[in-house]
Amino acid sequence: MTTILLYGLIYLAVIAFVVGCVIRAVQYARMPVHLRWELYPVPHEEARRVEHGGSYFEEVDWWKKPAHFNLAGEMSFMVPEMLFLKGLWEYNRKLWSRSFPFHFGLYLVIGSVALLLAATLVSLVQPTWMAGSLAAGWLGLCRVVGLVGSILVILGSLGLLGRRLTDENMKNFTTPGDIFNLLFFTVTCTLLLAGYLFGGQQFPGMLAFTRGLLTFSPTVQVPGLLAAGMICGALLAAYIPYTHMSHFIAKYFTYHSVRWDDRVNIRGGELAKKIAEYLTYRPTWSAPHMGADGVKTWADVATANPALGTKK
């Protein structure tokens, strides 16, 4: 019965994670068009323009010509940024040394779970394939990737926690929620690591557990320490999309809808219609010099002189 409850919690956590991610993505996608940064080169430009920091706006009558999307150029920027935090490496090396192990460790943990699920599906469909040296190599890879990832997450989260507690610049914007989140990751990975390493002989292994998870088999017995880690992991996964840790979703929109948004704005086009609609909104921004009191429209605020408005 305990194993079934653990299965149920994991399934509920996965559902909560997926639903939360979808909600976040929809929220970001429905936000008004952001002001463009107009910083070039944009990676999805043609390679010949990226080399000198240009854009298709250099072309004569550019609005009459089709835009060419350079997926390879965009991926060459996104992959190093996502996997290795390239921007942080270039501009804040001290923070990178703590943030990179944390994030890369998470990627490894996720990768180990994906490899384990793939092995489980193969064992259910073609049991003979997951026998002998293939099974040993595959599961060995899962084990190594998961263990290294867990250790990196623990080291990275403790490093980030220490930085937030000791660095005067970071103290100013460190909240109790930030401390809680880092401790949550530390405790979860520590329990999972300890539970796996010291689970004892009664635990049949992760492949048997995931097979039981997919088939809802109650025969698998999970040691208490490892079960505690799995419970924390499930709760953490369900928790992440509903906090600011969902920045992994926001990052996509930050790049594609803010930094790299170079769509053509043609009079009477879709983008122009959206902007016209947004100008009728009545913002309630807190900055008093903007005069966004909920009565003035965005157009009124945008065409007013804030400096004149602050004079008495």
C-alpha atoms as a PDB file:
ATOM      1  CA  MET A   1       0.000   0.000   0.000  1.00  0.00           C
ATOM      2  CA  THR A   2       2.870   2.370   0.854  1.00  0.00           C
ATOM      3  CA  THR A   3       4.442   1.782  -2.549  1.00  0.00           C
ATOM      4  CA  ILE A   4       1.155   2.525  -4.325  1.00  0.00           C
ATOM      5  CA  LEU A   5       0.846   5.796  -2.407  1.00  0.00           C
ATOM      6  CA  LEU A   6       4.377   6.694  -3.489  1.00  0.00           C
ATOM      7  CA  TYR A   7       3.473   5.927  -7.101  1.00  0.00           C
ATOM      8  CA  GLY A   8       0.370   8.088  -6.829  1.00  0.00           C
ATOM      9  CA  LEU A   9       2.333  11.002  -5.376  1.00  0.00           C
ATOM     10  CA  ILE A  10       4.862  10.823  -8.210  1.00  0.00           C
ATOM     11  CA  TYR A  11       2.121  10.806 -10.853  1.00  0.00           C
ATOM     12  CA  LEU A  12       0.359  13.752  -9.193  1.00  0.00           C
ATOM     13  CA  ALA A  13       3.641  15.650  -9.048  1.00  0.00           C
ATOM     14  CA  VAL A  14       4.293  15.057 -12.758  1.00  0.00           C
ATOM     15  CA  ILE A  15       0.793  16.289 -13.601  1.00  0.00           C
ATOM     16  CA  ALA A  16       1.249  19.366 -11.385  1.00  0.00           C
ATOM     17  CA  PHE A  17       4.607  20.083 -13.033  1.00  0.00           C
ATOM     18  CA  VAL A  18       3.270  19.805 -16.582  1.00  0.00           C
ATOM     19  CA  VAL A  19       0.146  21.850 -15.804  1.00  0.00           C
ATOM     20  CA  GLY A  20       2.223  24.514 -14.060  1.00  0.00           C
ATOM     21  CA  CYS A  21       4.636  24.770 -16.985  1.00  0.00           C
ATOM     22  CA  VAL A  22       1.764  25.091 -19.470  1.00  0.00           C
ATOM     23  CA  ILE A  23       0.107  27.792 -17.361  1.00  0.00           C
ATOM     24  CA  ARG A  24       3.358  29.742 -17.128  1.00  0.00           C
ATOM     25  CA  ALA A  25       4.047  29.440 -20.855  1.00  0.00           C
ATOM     26  CA  VAL A  26       0.531  30.606 -21.739  1.00  0.00           C
ATOM     27  CA  GLN A  27       0.836  33.555 -19.336  1.00  0.00           C
ATOM     28  CA  TYR A  28       4.095  34.673 -20.910  1.00  0.00           C
ATOM     29  CA  ALA A  29       2.834  34.125 -24.460  1.00  0.00           C
ATOM     30  CA  ARG A  30      -0.255  36.265 -23.822  1.00  0.00           C
ATOM     31  CA  MET A  31       1.649  39.219 -22.403  1.00  0.00           C
ATOM     32  CA  PRO A  32       1.723  42.442 -24.427  1.00  0.00           C
ATOM     33  CA  VAL A  33       4.532  42.959 -26.910  1.00  0.00           C
ATOM     34  CA  HIS A  34       7.660  44.032 -25.094  1.00  0.00           C
ATOM     35  CA  LEU A  35       9.803  46.989 -26.102  1.00  0.00           C
ATOM     36  CA  ARG A  36      12.503  45.716 -28.420  1.00  0.00           C
ATOM     37  CA  TRP A  37      16.066  45.908 -27.230  1.00  0.00           C
ATOM     38  CA  GLU A  38      17.332  46.593 -30.756  1.00  0.00           C
ATOM     39  CA  LEU A  39      20.674  44.968 -29.933  1.00  0.00           C
ATOM     40  CA  TYR A  40      22.367  43.346 -32.894  1.00  0.00           C
ATOM     41  CA  PRO A  41      23.396  40.905 -34.127  1.00  0.00           C
ATOM     42  CA  VAL A  42      20.361  38.711 -33.602  1.00  0.00           C
ATOM     43  CA  PRO A  43      21.539  35.069 -33.807  1.00  0.00           C
ATOM     44  CA  HIS A  44      18.778  33.995 -36.193  1.00  0.00           C
ATOM     45  CA  GLU A  45      19.978  36.514 -38.787  1.00  0.00           C
ATOM     46  CA  GLU A  46      21.908  35.279 -41.800  1.00  0.00           C
ATOM     47  CA  ALA A  47      25.465  34.329 -40.884  1.00  0.00           C
ATOM     48  CA  ARG A  48      26.996  37.005 -43.120  1.00  0.00           C
ATOM     49  CA  ARG A  49      25.166  39.710 -41.138  1.00  0.00           C
ATOM     50  CA  VAL A  50      25.877  38.229 -37.719  1.00  0.00           C
ATOM     51  CA  GLU A  51      29.596  38.524 -38.440  1.00  0.00           C
ATOM     52  CA  HIS A  52      29.480  42.326 -38.462  1.00  0.00           C
ATOM     53  CA  GLY A  53      26.481  42.835 -36.152  1.00  0.00           C
ATOM     54  CA  GLY A  54      24.026  43.769 -38.883  1.00  0.00           C
ATOM     55  CA  SER A  55      20.408  42.928 -39.613  1.00  0.00           C
ATOM     56  CA  TYR A  56      18.023  42.604 -42.524  1.00  0.00           C
ATOM     57  CA  PHE A  57      17.072  46.262 -41.961  1.00  0.00           C
ATOM     58  CA  GLU A  58      20.272  47.111 -43.869  1.00  0.00           C
ATOM     59  CA  GLU A  59      18.675  45.952 -47.101  1.00  0.00           C
ATOM     60  CA  VAL A  60      17.021  48.451 -49.419  1.00  0.00           C
ATOM     61  CA  ASP A  61      13.228  48.005 -49.257  1.00  0.00           C
ATOM     62  CA  TRP A  62      13.734  45.371 -46.543  1.00  0.00           C
ATOM     63  CA  TRP A  63      10.013  45.264 -45.778  1.00  0.00           C
ATOM     64  CA  LYS A  64       9.322  43.917 -49.244  1.00  0.00           C
ATOM     65  CA  LYS A  65      11.742  41.007 -48.979  1.00  0.00           C
ATOM     66  CA  PRO A  66      11.267  37.679 -47.202  1.00  0.00           C
ATOM     67  CA  ALA A  67      13.136  37.219 -43.934  1.00  0.00           C
ATOM     68  CA  HIS A  68      15.541  34.278 -43.681  1.00  0.00           C
ATOM     69  CA  PHE A  69      15.534  32.457 -40.355  1.00  0.00           C
ATOM     70  CA  ASN A  70      18.927  31.008 -39.380  1.00  0.00           C
ATOM     71  CA  LEU A  71      18.121  28.140 -36.992  1.00  0.00           C
ATOM     72  CA  ALA A  72      21.727  26.974 -36.839  1.00  0.00           C
ATOM     73  CA  GLY A  73      22.856  30.429 -35.734  1.00  0.00           C
ATOM     74  CA  GLU A  74      20.212  30.591 -33.049  1.00  0.00           C
ATOM     75  CA  MET A  75      21.047  27.121 -31.736  1.00  0.00           C
ATOM     76  CA  SER A  76      24.765  27.962 -31.672  1.00  0.00           C
ATOM     77  CA  PHE A  77      23.886  30.678 -29.177  1.00  0.00           C
ATOM     78  CA  MET A  78      21.179  28.890 -27.191  1.00  0.00           C
ATOM     79  CA  VAL A  79      22.931  25.571 -26.550  1.00  0.00           C
ATOM     80  CA  PRO A  80      26.056  27.031 -24.864  1.00  0.00           C
ATOM     81  CA  GLU A  81      23.855  29.427 -22.895  1.00  0.00           C
ATOM     82  CA  MET A  82      21.455  26.725 -21.673  1.00  0.00           C
ATOM     83  CA  LEU A  83      24.007  24.008 -20.952  1.00  0.00           C
ATOM     84  CA  PHE A  84      27.010  26.004 -19.803  1.00  0.00           C
ATOM     85  CA  LEU A  85      25.589  29.418 -18.744  1.00  0.00           C
ATOM     86  CA  LYS A  86      27.890  31.150 -21.211  1.00  0.00           C
ATOM     87  CA  GLY A  87      26.649  34.657 -20.373  1.00  0.00           C
ATOM     88  CA  LEU A  88      27.281  34.162 -16.662  1.00  0.00           C
ATOM     89  CA  TRP A  89      30.756  32.792 -17.435  1.00  0.00           C
ATOM     90  CA  GLU A  90      31.590  35.922 -19.402  1.00  0.00           C
ATOM     91  CA  TYR A  91      30.156  38.539 -17.039  1.00  0.00           C
ATOM     92  CA  ASN A  92      30.140  37.046 -13.528  1.00  0.00           C
ATOM     93  CA  ARG A  93      32.709  34.262 -13.222  1.00  0.00           C
ATOM     94  CA  LYS A  94      32.455  34.141  -9.428  1.00  0.00           C
ATOM     95  CA  LEU A  95      28.723  33.411  -9.506  1.00  0.00           C
ATOM     96  CA  TRP A  96      29.154  31.002 -12.443  1.00  0.00           C
ATOM     97  CA  SER A  97      31.426  28.757 -10.344  1.00  0.00           C
ATOM     98  CA  ARG A  98      28.430  28.126  -8.065  1.00  0.00           C
ATOM     99  CA  SER A  99      25.529  28.374 -10.463  1.00  0.00           C
ATOM    100  CA  PHE A 100      26.958  26.132 -13.184  1.00  0.00           C
ATOM    101  CA  PRO A 101      27.395  23.017 -10.981  1.00  0.00           C
ATOM    102  CA  PHE A 102      23.857  23.478  -9.695  1.00  0.00           C
ATOM    103  CA  HIS A 103      22.219  23.801 -13.106  1.00  0.00           C
ATOM    104  CA  PHE A 104      24.400  21.252 -14.897  1.00  0.00           C
ATOM    105  CA  GLY A 105      23.800  18.829 -12.056  1.00  0.00           C
ATOM    106  CA  LEU A 106      20.056  19.243 -12.563  1.00  0.00           C
ATOM    107  CA  TYR A 107      20.482  18.482 -16.256  1.00  0.00           C
ATOM    108  CA  LEU A 108      22.377  15.307 -15.378  1.00  0.00           C
ATOM    109  CA  VAL A 109      19.729  14.209 -12.882  1.00  0.00           C
ATOM    110  CA  ILE A 110      16.998  14.805 -15.465  1.00  0.00           C
ATOM    111  CA  GLY A 111      19.094  12.960 -18.046  1.00  0.00           C
ATOM    112  CA  SER A 112      19.534   9.970 -15.748  1.00  0.00           C
ATOM    113  CA  VAL A 113      15.769   9.812 -15.178  1.00  0.00           C
ATOM    114  CA  ALA A 114      15.171   9.959 -18.941  1.00  0.00           C
ATOM    115  CA  LEU A 115      17.693   7.172 -19.543  1.00  0.00           C
ATOM    116  CA  LEU A 116      16.118   5.078 -16.813  1.00  0.00           C
ATOM    117  CA  LEU A 117      12.608   5.545 -18.202  1.00  0.00           C
ATOM    118  CA  ALA A 118      13.850   4.622 -21.674  1.00  0.00           C
ATOM    119  CA  ALA A 119      15.469   1.460 -20.292  1.00  0.00           C
ATOM    120  CA  THR A 120      12.244   0.607 -18.480  1.00  0.00           C
ATOM    121  CA  LEU A 121      10.142   0.976 -21.618  1.00  0.00           C
ATOM    122  CA  VAL A 122      12.566  -1.193 -23.546  1.00  0.00           C
ATOM    123  CA  SER A 123      12.454  -3.838 -20.820  1.00  0.00           C
ATOM    124  CA  LEU A 124       8.650  -3.877 -20.993  1.00  0.00           C
ATOM    125  CA  VAL A 125       8.455  -4.052 -24.784  1.00  0.00           C
ATOM    126  CA  GLN A 126      11.499  -6.220 -25.511  1.00  0.00           C
ATOM    127  CA  PRO A 127      12.709  -7.847 -22.258  1.00  0.00           C
ATOM    128  CA  THR A 128      15.514  -9.715 -24.026  1.00  0.00           C
ATOM    129  CA  TRP A 129      17.120  -6.444 -25.123  1.00  0.00           C
ATOM    130  CA  MET A 130      17.705  -5.428 -21.508  1.00  0.00           C
ATOM    131  CA  ALA A 131      19.814  -8.440 -20.687  1.00  0.00           C
ATOM    132  CA  GLY A 132      23.496  -9.037 -20.444  1.00  0.00           C
ATOM    133  CA  SER A 133      26.087  -6.394 -21.304  1.00  0.00           C
ATOM    134  CA  LEU A 134      23.607  -3.949 -22.862  1.00  0.00           C
ATOM    135  CA  ALA A 135      21.565  -3.729 -19.676  1.00  0.00           C
ATOM    136  CA  ALA A 136      24.689  -3.465 -17.516  1.00  0.00           C
ATOM    137  CA  GLY A 137      26.123  -0.645 -19.630  1.00  0.00           C
ATOM    138  CA  TRP A 138      22.863   1.249 -19.913  1.00  0.00           C
ATOM    139  CA  LEU A 139      22.020   1.037 -16.217  1.00  0.00           C
ATOM    140  CA  GLY A 140      25.618   1.787 -15.318  1.00  0.00           C
ATOM    141  CA  LEU A 141      25.432   4.977 -17.342  1.00  0.00           C
ATOM    142  CA  CYS A 142      22.161   5.912 -15.605  1.00  0.00           C
ATOM    143  CA  ARG A 143      23.795   5.319 -12.238  1.00  0.00           C
ATOM    144  CA  VAL A 144      26.916   7.362 -12.926  1.00  0.00           C
ATOM    145  CA  VAL A 145      25.027  10.280 -14.490  1.00  0.00           C
ATOM    146  CA  GLY A 146      22.517  10.363 -11.627  1.00  0.00           C
ATOM    147  CA  LEU A 147      25.138  10.167  -8.877  1.00  0.00           C
ATOM    148  CA  VAL A 148      27.372  12.842 -10.423  1.00  0.00           C
ATOM    149  CA  GLY A 149      24.340  15.059 -11.047  1.00  0.00           C
ATOM    150  CA  SER A 150      23.116  14.754  -7.461  1.00  0.00           C
ATOM    151  CA  ILE A 151      26.555  15.607  -6.069  1.00  0.00           C
ATOM    152  CA  LEU A 152      26.821  18.655  -8.350  1.00  0.00           C
ATOM    153  CA  VAL A 153      23.365  19.880  -7.320  1.00  0.00           C
ATOM    154  CA  ILE A 154      24.281  19.588  -3.640  1.00  0.00           C
ATOM    155  CA  LEU A 155      27.601  21.386  -4.102  1.00  0.00           C
ATOM    156  CA  GLY A 156      26.041  24.063  -6.313  1.00  0.00           C
ATOM    157  CA  SER A 157      23.064  24.721  -4.041  1.00  0.00           C
ATOM    158  CA  LEU A 158      25.315  24.978  -0.981  1.00  0.00           C
ATOM    159  CA  GLY A 159      27.639  27.290  -2.906  1.00  0.00           C
ATOM    160  CA  LEU A 160      24.753  29.518  -3.976  1.00  0.00           C
ATOM    161  CA  LEU A 161      23.367  29.479  -0.457  1.00  0.00           C
ATOM    162  CA  GLY A 162      26.699  30.538   0.964  1.00  0.00           C
ATOM    163  CA  ARG A 163      27.025  33.297  -1.633  1.00  0.00           C
ATOM    164  CA  ARG A 164      23.570  34.660  -0.815  1.00  0.00           C
ATOM    165  CA  LEU A 165      24.275  34.638   2.917  1.00  0.00           C
ATOM    166  CA  THR A 166      27.739  36.209   2.767  1.00  0.00           C
ATOM    167  CA  ASP A 167      27.845  38.467  -0.292  1.00  0.00           C
ATOM    168  CA  GLU A 168      26.694  41.981   0.624  1.00  0.00           C
ATOM    169  CA  ASN A 169      25.487  42.700  -2.908  1.00  0.00           C
ATOM    170  CA  MET A 170      23.294  39.580  -3.009  1.00  0.00           C
ATOM    171  CA  LYS A 171      21.952  40.029   0.517  1.00  0.00           C
ATOM    172  CA  ASN A 172      19.971  43.029  -0.672  1.00  0.00           C
ATOM    173  CA  PHE A 173      17.710  40.927  -2.900  1.00  0.00           C
ATOM    174  CA  THR A 174      17.853  37.563  -1.124  1.00  0.00           C
ATOM    175  CA  THR A 175      14.454  36.572   0.252  1.00  0.00           C
ATOM    176  CA  PRO A 176      13.483  33.773   2.668  1.00  0.00           C
ATOM    177  CA  GLY A 177      12.014  32.017  -0.377  1.00  0.00           C
ATOM    178  CA  ASP A 178      15.442  31.927  -2.047  1.00  0.00           C
ATOM    179  CA  ILE A 179      16.974  30.315   1.038  1.00  0.00           C
ATOM    180  CA  PHE A 180      14.128  27.803   1.274  1.00  0.00           C
ATOM    181  CA  ASN A 181      14.441  26.831  -2.387  1.00  0.00           C
ATOM    182  CA  LEU A 182      18.171  26.129  -2.165  1.00  0.00           C
ATOM    183  CA  LEU A 183      17.699  24.130   1.042  1.00  0.00           C
ATOM    184  CA  PHE A 184      14.876  22.207  -0.648  1.00  0.00           C
ATOM    185  CA  PHE A 185      17.217  21.142  -3.457  1.00  0.00           C
ATOM    186  CA  THR A 186      20.008  20.298  -1.014  1.00  0.00           C
ATOM    187  CA  VAL A 187      17.835  18.138   1.236  1.00  0.00           C
ATOM    188  CA  THR A 188      16.134  16.378  -1.690  1.00  0.00           C
ATOM    189  CA  CYS A 189      19.337  15.394  -3.476  1.00  0.00           C
ATOM    190  CA  THR A 190      21.030  14.427  -0.222  1.00  0.00           C
ATOM    191  CA  LEU A 191      18.156  12.089   0.672  1.00  0.00           C
ATOM    192  CA  LEU A 192      18.088  10.589  -2.819  1.00  0.00           C
ATOM    193  CA  LEU A 193      21.844  10.090  -2.851  1.00  0.00           C
ATOM    194  CA  ALA A 194      22.003   8.605   0.641  1.00  0.00           C
ATOM    195  CA  GLY A 195      18.899   6.498   0.090  1.00  0.00           C
ATOM    196  CA  TYR A 196      20.302   5.014  -3.101  1.00  0.00           C
ATOM    197  CA  LEU A 197      23.793   4.363  -1.725  1.00  0.00           C
ATOM    198  CA  PHE A 198      22.622   2.941   1.600  1.00  0.00           C
ATOM    199  CA  GLY A 199      19.286   1.441   0.591  1.00  0.00           C
ATOM    200  CA  GLY A 200      20.311  -2.053   1.535  1.00  0.00           C
ATOM    201  CA  GLN A 201      19.756  -5.383  -0.150  1.00  0.00           C
ATOM    202  CA  GLN A 202      15.947  -5.213   0.104  1.00  0.00           C
ATOM    203  CA  PHE A 203      15.767  -2.607  -2.661  1.00  0.00           C
ATOM    204  CA  PRO A 204      15.623  -4.403  -6.049  1.00  0.00           C
ATOM    205  CA  GLY A 205      17.028  -1.452  -7.986  1.00  0.00           C
ATOM    206  CA  MET A 206      15.818   1.607  -9.896  1.00  0.00           C
ATOM    207  CA  LEU A 207      14.895  -0.364 -13.013  1.00  0.00           C
ATOM    208  CA  ALA A 208      12.557  -2.563 -10.984  1.00  0.00           C
ATOM    209  CA  PHE A 209      11.126   0.524  -9.290  1.00  0.00           C
ATOM    210  CA  THR A 210      10.399   2.402 -12.527  1.00  0.00           C
ATOM    211  CA  ARG A 211       8.930  -0.762 -14.042  1.00  0.00           C
ATOM    212  CA  GLY A 212       6.670  -1.001 -11.008  1.00  0.00           C
ATOM    213  CA  LEU A 213       5.858   2.708 -11.344  1.00  0.00           C
ATOM    214  CA  LEU A 214       4.712   2.267 -14.943  1.00  0.00           C
ATOM    215  CA  THR A 215       2.730  -0.905 -14.188  1.00  0.00           C
ATOM    216  CA  PHE A 216       1.547   0.082 -10.678  1.00  0.00           C
ATOM    217  CA  SER A 217       3.051  -3.073  -9.214  1.00  0.00           C
ATOM    218  CA  PRO A 218       2.859  -3.075  -5.389  1.00  0.00           C
ATOM    219  CA  THR A 219       5.547  -5.721  -4.983  1.00  0.00           C
ATOM    220  CA  VAL A 220       8.512  -3.311  -5.084  1.00  0.00           C
ATOM    221  CA  GLN A 221       9.732  -2.344  -1.625  1.00  0.00           C
ATOM    222  CA  VAL A 222      11.426   1.047  -1.301  1.00  0.00           C
ATOM    223  CA  PRO A 223      13.707   1.710   1.709  1.00  0.00           C
ATOM    224  CA  GLY A 224      12.530   4.524   3.969  1.00  0.00           C
ATOM    225  CA  LEU A 225      15.414   6.904   3.303  1.00  0.00           C
ATOM    226  CA  LEU A 226      15.097   6.553  -0.461  1.00  0.00           C
ATOM    227  CA  ALA A 227      11.307   6.872  -0.252  1.00  0.00           C
ATOM    228  CA  ALA A 228      11.755  10.120   1.676  1.00  0.00           C
ATOM    229  CA  GLY A 229      14.031  11.406  -1.094  1.00  0.00           C
ATOM    230  CA  MET A 230      11.491  10.417  -3.752  1.00  0.00           C
ATOM    231  CA  ILE A 231       8.719  12.172  -1.854  1.00  0.00           C
ATOM    232  CA  CYS A 232      10.813  15.334  -1.584  1.00  0.00           C
ATOM    233  CA  GLY A 233      11.710  15.066  -5.263  1.00  0.00           C
ATOM    234  CA  ALA A 234       8.057  14.733  -6.262  1.00  0.00           C
ATOM    235  CA  LEU A 235       7.054  17.712  -4.118  1.00  0.00           C
ATOM    236  CA  LEU A 236       9.944  19.766  -5.495  1.00  0.00           C
ATOM    237  CA  ALA A 237       8.967  19.003  -9.094  1.00  0.00           C
ATOM    238  CA  ALA A 238       5.358  19.990  -8.386  1.00  0.00           C
ATOM    239  CA  TYR A 239       6.516  23.174  -6.631  1.00  0.00           C
ATOM    240  CA  ILE A 240       8.981  24.558  -9.190  1.00  0.00           C
ATOM    241  CA  PRO A 241       6.596  25.835 -11.937  1.00  0.00           C
ATOM    242  CA  TYR A 242       4.587  27.901  -9.441  1.00  0.00           C
ATOM    243  CA  THR A 243       7.593  29.880  -8.203  1.00  0.00           C
ATOM    244  CA  HIS A 244      10.171  32.172  -9.759  1.00  0.00           C
ATOM    245  CA  MET A 245      12.242  29.042 -10.420  1.00  0.00           C
ATOM    246  CA  SER A 246      10.108  28.710 -13.528  1.00  0.00           C
ATOM    247  CA  HIS A 247      12.592  31.123 -15.111  1.00  0.00           C
ATOM    248  CA  PHE A 248      13.609  28.279 -17.392  1.00  0.00           C
ATOM    249  CA  ILE A 249      10.321  28.984 -19.184  1.00  0.00           C
ATOM    250  CA  ALA A 250      10.638  32.752 -18.970  1.00  0.00           C
ATOM    251  CA  LYS A 251      14.115  32.601 -20.478  1.00  0.00           C
ATOM    252  CA  TYR A 252      12.734  31.371 -23.787  1.00  0.00           C
ATOM    253  CA  PHE A 253      10.392  34.354 -24.022  1.00  0.00           C
ATOM    254  CA  THR A 254      13.084  36.769 -22.813  1.00  0.00           C
ATOM    255  CA  TYR A 255      15.231  35.848 -25.778  1.00  0.00           C
ATOM    256  CA  HIS A 256      12.627  35.251 -28.473  1.00  0.00           C
ATOM    257  CA  SER A 257      10.069  37.919 -27.520  1.00  0.00           C
ATOM    258  CA  VAL A 258      12.370  40.650 -26.190  1.00  0.00           C
ATOM    259  CA  ARG A 259      16.005  40.380 -27.251  1.00  0.00           C
ATOM    260  CA  TRP A 260      15.464  38.753 -30.638  1.00  0.00           C
ATOM    261  CA  ASP A 261      12.059  40.055 -31.679  1.00  0.00           C
ATOM    262  CA  ASP A 262      12.769  41.699 -35.033  1.00  0.00           C
ATOM    263  CA  ARG A 263       9.421  41.087 -36.721  1.00  0.00           C
ATOM    264  CA  VAL A 264       8.344  43.534 -39.395  1.00  0.00           C
ATOM    265  CA  ASN A 265       5.780  46.030 -38.103  1.00  0.00           C
ATOM    266  CA  ILE A 266       3.721  46.918 -41.166  1.00  0.00           C
ATOM    267  CA  ARG A 267       0.901  49.459 -41.013  1.00  0.00           C
ATOM    268  CA  GLY A 268      -2.350  47.553 -40.630  1.00  0.00           C
ATOM    269  CA  GLY A 269      -0.514  44.305 -39.867  1.00  0.00           C
ATOM    270  CA  GLU A 270      -1.049  41.975 -36.940  1.00  0.00           C
ATOM    271  CA  LEU A 271       1.681  43.541 -34.819  1.00  0.00           C
ATOM    272  CA  ALA A 272       0.387  47.060 -35.447  1.00  0.00           C
ATOM    273  CA  LYS A 273      -3.127  46.007 -34.420  1.00  0.00           C
ATOM    274  CA  LYS A 274      -1.828  44.539 -31.164  1.00  0.00           C
ATOM    275  CA  ILE A 275       0.092  47.709 -30.327  1.00  0.00           C
ATOM    276  CA  ALA A 276      -2.985  49.817 -31.054  1.00  0.00           C
ATOM    277  CA  GLU A 277      -4.952  47.664 -28.622  1.00  0.00           C
ATOM    278  CA  TYR A 278      -2.272  47.881 -25.943  1.00  0.00           C
ATOM    279  CA  LEU A 279      -2.291  51.679 -26.139  1.00  0.00           C
ATOM    280  CA  THR A 280      -5.884  51.631 -24.870  1.00  0.00           C
ATOM    281  CA  TYR A 281      -4.910  49.805 -21.675  1.00  0.00           C
ATOM    282  CA  ARG A 282      -5.031  51.767 -18.439  1.00  0.00           C
ATOM    283  CA  PRO A 283      -1.845  50.848 -16.513  1.00  0.00           C
ATOM    284  CA  THR A 284      -1.444  51.185 -12.754  1.00  0.00           C
ATOM    285  CA  TRP A 285       2.332  51.283 -12.462  1.00  0.00           C
ATOM    286  CA  SER A 286       3.624  52.204  -9.020  1.00  0.00           C
ATOM    287  CA  ALA A 287       6.197  54.801 -10.183  1.00  0.00           C
ATOM    288  CA  PRO A 288       4.492  58.133  -9.338  1.00  0.00           C
ATOM    289  CA  HIS A 289       6.337  60.133 -12.013  1.00  0.00           C
ATOM    290  CA  MET A 290       4.655  58.063 -14.731  1.00  0.00           C
ATOM    291  CA  GLY A 291       1.163  59.120 -13.694  1.00  0.00           C
ATOM    292  CA  ALA A 292      -0.189  55.635 -14.460  1.00  0.00           C
ATOM    293  CA  ASP A 293      -3.180  55.952 -12.165  1.00  0.00           C
ATOM    294  CA  GLY A 294      -5.510  53.488 -13.887  1.00  0.00           C
ATOM    295  CA  VAL A 295      -7.434  56.345 -15.536  1.00  0.00           C
ATOM    296  CA  LYS A 296      -4.956  57.474 -18.174  1.00  0.00           C
ATOM    297  CA  THR A 297      -4.447  55.137 -21.106  1.00  0.00           C
ATOM    298  CA  TRP A 298      -1.072  53.773 -22.077  1.00  0.00           C
ATOM    299  CA  ALA A 299      -1.119  56.205 -25.012  1.00  0.00           C
ATOM    300  CA  ASP A 300      -1.638  59.121 -22.598  1.00  0.00           C
ATOM    301  CA  VAL A 301       1.275  57.977 -20.449  1.00  0.00           C
ATOM    302  CA  ALA A 302       3.561  57.347 -23.427  1.00  0.00           C
ATOM    303  CA  THR A 303       2.941  60.788 -24.949  1.00  0.00           C
ATOM    304  CA  ALA A 304       3.231  62.735 -21.680  1.00  0.00           C
ATOM    305  CA  ASN A 305       6.429  64.312 -20.373  1.00  0.00           C
ATOM    306  CA  PRO A 306       7.200  62.722 -16.972  1.00  0.00           C
ATOM    307  CA  ALA A 307       9.514  65.596 -16.059  1.00  0.00           C
ATOM    308  CA  LEU A 308       6.718  68.128 -16.432  1.00  0.00           C
ATOM    309  CA  GLY A 309       4.393  65.947 -14.443  1.00  0.00           C
ATOM    310  CA  THR A 310       6.672  65.974 -11.424  1.00  0.00           C
ATOM    311  CA  LYS A 311       6.844  69.758 -11.195  1.00  0.00           C
ATOM    312  CA  LYS A 312       4.680  71.525  -8.594  1.00  0.00           C
END
